N, C-alpha and C. Protein backbone atom coordinates (compact mmCIF):
# COMPACT_ATOMS: atom_id res chain seq x y z
N UNK A 1 51.80 -24.17 48.98
CA UNK A 1 50.24 -24.52 48.76
C UNK A 1 50.54 -24.58 47.10
N UNK A 2 50.71 -25.43 46.55
CA UNK A 2 50.05 -25.68 45.19
C UNK A 2 48.79 -25.04 44.59
N UNK A 3 49.73 -24.30 43.72
CA UNK A 3 48.93 -22.99 43.04
C UNK A 3 48.77 -23.23 41.51
N UNK A 4 47.60 -22.38 40.87
CA UNK A 4 47.11 -22.84 39.27
C UNK A 4 47.01 -21.15 39.17
N UNK A 5 47.02 -20.06 40.46
CA UNK A 5 46.24 -18.48 39.83
C UNK A 5 47.50 -17.99 38.57
N UNK A 6 46.46 -17.47 38.06
CA UNK A 6 47.18 -16.40 37.24
C UNK A 6 47.44 -17.41 35.77
N UNK A 7 47.51 -18.55 35.78
CA UNK A 7 47.47 -19.28 34.55
C UNK A 7 46.72 -19.74 34.33
N UNK A 8 46.53 -19.67 32.45
CA UNK A 8 45.97 -20.08 32.28
C UNK A 8 45.60 -21.56 30.97
N UNK A 9 44.59 -22.02 31.66
CA UNK A 9 45.16 -23.39 30.60
C UNK A 9 44.53 -24.12 29.24
N UNK A 10 43.95 -24.90 28.19
CA UNK A 10 43.43 -25.20 27.34
C UNK A 10 43.81 -26.88 27.60
N UNK A 11 42.09 -26.60 27.86
CA UNK A 11 41.22 -28.25 27.78
C UNK A 11 40.80 -28.81 27.04
N UNK A 12 41.40 -29.48 25.69
CA UNK A 12 40.47 -30.01 24.51
C UNK A 12 39.70 -31.55 25.30
N UNK A 13 38.95 -31.32 24.57
CA UNK A 13 37.85 -32.42 25.16
C UNK A 13 37.42 -32.22 26.29
N UNK A 14 36.70 -30.27 26.93
CA UNK A 14 36.78 -30.63 27.93
C UNK A 14 35.00 -30.91 28.34
N UNK A 15 34.64 -30.99 27.15
CA UNK A 15 32.43 -31.30 27.86
C UNK A 15 32.84 -32.63 28.19
N UNK A 16 33.40 -33.31 27.61
CA UNK A 16 33.15 -35.19 27.87
C UNK A 16 33.13 -35.27 29.97
N UNK A 17 33.33 -36.55 29.71
CA UNK A 17 33.43 -36.68 31.42
C UNK A 17 34.48 -36.73 31.71
N UNK A 18 35.98 -37.34 31.62
CA UNK A 18 37.50 -37.15 31.76
C UNK A 18 37.64 -35.05 31.56
N UNK A 19 36.94 -34.97 30.78
CA UNK A 19 36.95 -33.65 30.84
C UNK A 19 36.91 -32.65 31.95
N UNK A 20 35.43 -32.93 31.98
CA UNK A 20 34.81 -32.10 32.81
C UNK A 20 35.66 -32.10 34.95
N UNK A 21 35.99 -33.66 34.68
CA UNK A 21 36.21 -33.54 36.04
C UNK A 21 37.77 -32.61 35.92
N UNK A 22 38.86 -33.58 35.10
CA UNK A 22 40.28 -32.50 35.14
C UNK A 22 40.22 -31.17 35.18
N UNK A 23 38.87 -30.73 34.53
CA UNK A 23 38.93 -28.86 34.59
C UNK A 23 38.61 -28.33 36.13
N UNK A 24 37.14 -29.40 37.04
CA UNK A 24 36.85 -29.54 37.89
C UNK A 24 38.58 -29.22 38.67
N UNK A 25 38.81 -29.88 38.77
CA UNK A 25 40.06 -30.09 39.51
C UNK A 25 41.31 -28.92 39.28
N UNK A 26 40.39 -28.62 37.94
CA UNK A 26 42.12 -27.43 37.87
C UNK A 26 41.42 -26.02 38.89
N UNK A 27 40.52 -25.73 37.62
CA UNK A 27 40.63 -24.38 38.98
C UNK A 27 40.00 -24.75 40.35
N UNK A 28 39.74 -25.49 40.85
CA UNK A 28 39.90 -24.99 42.46
C UNK A 28 41.38 -25.89 42.46
N UNK A 29 42.45 -25.43 41.93
CA UNK A 29 43.56 -24.95 42.50
C UNK A 29 43.61 -23.67 41.52
N UNK A 30 42.43 -22.21 41.43
CA UNK A 30 42.91 -21.15 40.81
C UNK A 30 43.35 -20.74 39.62
N UNK A 31 43.65 -22.41 38.48
CA UNK A 31 43.58 -22.33 36.82
C UNK A 31 42.01 -21.15 36.12
N UNK A 32 42.65 -20.43 35.62
CA UNK A 32 42.08 -19.66 34.46
C UNK A 32 41.80 -21.19 32.61
N UNK A 33 40.73 -21.58 32.42
CA UNK A 33 40.41 -22.41 31.57
C UNK A 33 40.50 -21.70 30.11
N UNK A 34 40.36 -22.10 29.34
CA UNK A 34 40.22 -22.28 27.81
C UNK A 34 39.48 -23.75 27.57
N UNK A 35 38.03 -23.83 27.44
CA UNK A 35 37.11 -25.29 27.78
C UNK A 35 36.82 -25.44 25.97
N UNK A 36 37.96 -25.66 25.76
CA UNK A 36 37.50 -26.89 24.21
C UNK A 36 37.09 -27.68 24.14
N UNK A 37 35.83 -27.59 22.70
CA UNK A 37 34.94 -28.75 22.66
C UNK A 37 34.39 -29.02 21.32
N UNK A 38 33.67 -29.32 20.87
CA UNK A 38 33.39 -30.17 19.66
C UNK A 38 31.88 -29.11 19.37
N UNK A 39 31.19 -29.17 21.11
CA UNK A 39 30.38 -28.36 21.10
C UNK A 39 30.33 -26.64 21.52
N UNK A 40 30.29 -25.84 20.98
CA UNK A 40 30.40 -24.71 21.88
C UNK A 40 29.45 -24.55 22.54
N UNK A 41 28.46 -24.86 22.01
CA UNK A 41 27.17 -24.86 23.60
C UNK A 41 27.15 -25.94 24.51
N UNK A 42 27.97 -27.04 24.70
CA UNK A 42 28.82 -26.94 25.70
C UNK A 42 30.01 -27.32 26.45
N UNK A 43 30.55 -26.29 25.45
CA UNK A 43 31.79 -25.14 26.34
C UNK A 43 31.44 -24.30 27.02
N UNK A 44 30.71 -23.24 26.41
CA UNK A 44 30.19 -22.47 27.22
C UNK A 44 28.97 -22.63 27.82
N UNK A 45 29.13 -23.19 28.65
CA UNK A 45 28.39 -24.12 29.32
C UNK A 45 29.00 -24.38 30.57
N UNK A 46 29.77 -25.28 30.77
CA UNK A 46 30.84 -25.87 31.36
C UNK A 46 32.16 -24.59 31.84
N UNK A 47 32.13 -23.27 30.79
CA UNK A 47 32.72 -21.97 31.57
C UNK A 47 31.64 -21.47 32.00
N UNK A 48 31.02 -21.58 31.73
CA UNK A 48 30.17 -20.33 33.09
C UNK A 48 30.23 -21.10 34.57
N UNK A 49 29.32 -22.21 34.42
CA UNK A 49 29.21 -22.64 35.86
C UNK A 49 30.19 -22.78 36.44
N UNK A 50 31.85 -23.56 36.03
CA UNK A 50 33.31 -23.19 36.50
C UNK A 50 33.35 -21.86 36.73
N UNK A 51 33.03 -21.16 36.09
CA UNK A 51 33.72 -19.43 36.69
C UNK A 51 32.60 -19.29 37.45
N UNK A 52 31.65 -19.41 37.88
CA UNK A 52 30.66 -18.99 39.07
C UNK A 52 30.68 -20.21 40.02
N UNK A 53 30.88 -21.04 39.77
CA UNK A 53 31.05 -22.12 41.15
C UNK A 53 32.70 -21.72 41.76
N UNK A 54 34.13 -21.32 41.22
CA UNK A 54 35.26 -21.61 41.75
C UNK A 54 35.80 -19.55 41.41
N UNK A 55 35.08 -18.31 40.68
CA UNK A 55 35.15 -17.68 40.68
C UNK A 55 36.41 -17.44 40.01
N UNK A 56 36.86 -18.31 38.85
CA UNK A 56 37.70 -18.20 37.85
C UNK A 56 37.64 -17.95 36.47
N UNK A 57 38.92 -17.53 35.76
CA UNK A 57 38.24 -16.50 34.82
C UNK A 57 38.14 -18.03 33.77
N UNK A 58 36.89 -18.44 32.85
CA UNK A 58 36.51 -19.65 31.70
C UNK A 58 35.98 -19.16 30.80
N UNK A 59 36.33 -19.49 29.86
CA UNK A 59 35.47 -19.17 28.62
C UNK A 59 35.50 -20.55 26.97
N UNK A 60 34.81 -20.68 27.02
CA UNK A 60 34.09 -21.30 25.35
C UNK A 60 34.69 -21.50 24.75
N UNK A 61 35.40 -22.97 23.62
CA UNK A 61 35.76 -22.13 22.16
C UNK A 61 35.58 -23.66 21.79
N UNK A 62 34.57 -23.71 20.16
CA UNK A 62 34.75 -25.03 20.33
C UNK A 62 36.05 -25.01 19.30
N UNK A 63 36.22 -26.12 19.08
CA UNK A 63 37.19 -26.62 17.76
C UNK A 63 37.07 -28.31 18.44
N UNK A 64 37.39 -28.28 16.78
CA UNK A 64 37.31 -30.38 16.73
C UNK A 64 39.15 -30.10 16.01
N UNK A 65 39.36 -31.26 16.71
CA UNK A 65 40.64 -31.70 16.78
C UNK A 65 41.11 -32.90 15.25
N UNK A 66 40.21 -33.02 14.58
CA UNK A 66 40.23 -33.62 13.35
C UNK A 66 40.00 -32.88 12.44
N UNK A 67 40.08 -31.16 12.15
CA UNK A 67 40.65 -30.40 11.75
C UNK A 67 41.88 -29.74 11.88
N UNK A 68 42.90 -30.46 11.53
CA UNK A 68 43.87 -29.39 11.65
C UNK A 68 43.83 -27.56 12.15
N UNK A 69 43.87 -27.31 10.80
CA UNK A 69 43.26 -26.18 10.14
C UNK A 69 42.25 -24.73 10.91
N UNK A 70 41.54 -25.79 12.39
CA UNK A 70 41.39 -24.93 13.00
C UNK A 70 42.09 -25.23 14.47
N UNK A 71 43.25 -25.35 14.92
CA UNK A 71 43.71 -25.30 15.19
C UNK A 71 44.43 -24.44 15.70
N UNK A 72 45.36 -23.44 14.73
CA UNK A 72 46.06 -22.42 15.09
C UNK A 72 44.90 -20.89 14.80
N UNK A 73 43.87 -20.75 14.84
CA UNK A 73 43.31 -20.34 15.11
C UNK A 73 42.59 -19.58 16.25
N UNK A 74 41.57 -21.31 16.56
CA UNK A 74 41.20 -20.70 17.98
C UNK A 74 42.78 -21.06 18.68
N UNK A 75 43.28 -21.48 18.81
CA UNK A 75 44.73 -21.07 19.74
C UNK A 75 44.99 -19.13 19.78
N UNK A 76 44.48 -18.68 19.04
CA UNK A 76 44.78 -16.93 18.56
C UNK A 76 43.37 -16.55 18.77
N UNK A 77 42.45 -17.15 18.83
CA UNK A 77 41.37 -16.47 19.59
C UNK A 77 41.40 -16.39 20.92
N UNK A 78 42.12 -17.58 21.69
CA UNK A 78 42.55 -17.57 23.36
C UNK A 78 43.34 -17.27 23.74
N UNK A 79 44.80 -16.38 22.39
CA UNK A 79 45.74 -15.14 23.41
C UNK A 79 45.32 -14.05 23.06
N UNK A 80 44.34 -13.91 21.55
CA UNK A 80 44.28 -12.47 21.78
C UNK A 80 42.58 -12.30 21.17
N UNK A 81 42.00 -12.04 23.08
CA UNK A 81 40.37 -12.03 23.05
C UNK A 81 39.89 -10.89 22.08
C-alpha cells in the first residue's frame, strides 16, 4: 500500500481550494505537511484541522511567492523549527 508516513511535504497555496484538497489527499496517506499561504491565519486553521482529523503533524507558515526573498527564510523555518 502507498504510504507517505514520516515524509514532510511543503504545500504552497494551501489555503486555496485546490491546495486544501491536495493537502487532504496527502494527509490521508500519512504525510506531515508544511502548509504555506499568504495568510498565516488560514494556514494555521487548515493545519490544525488536518492534524486533528488525520493524526499527522501539520504546521502553518506565511509565504508569499511574489517576494522571493521570503522563500529561503520560510524553508529554513520548516527545516529548523
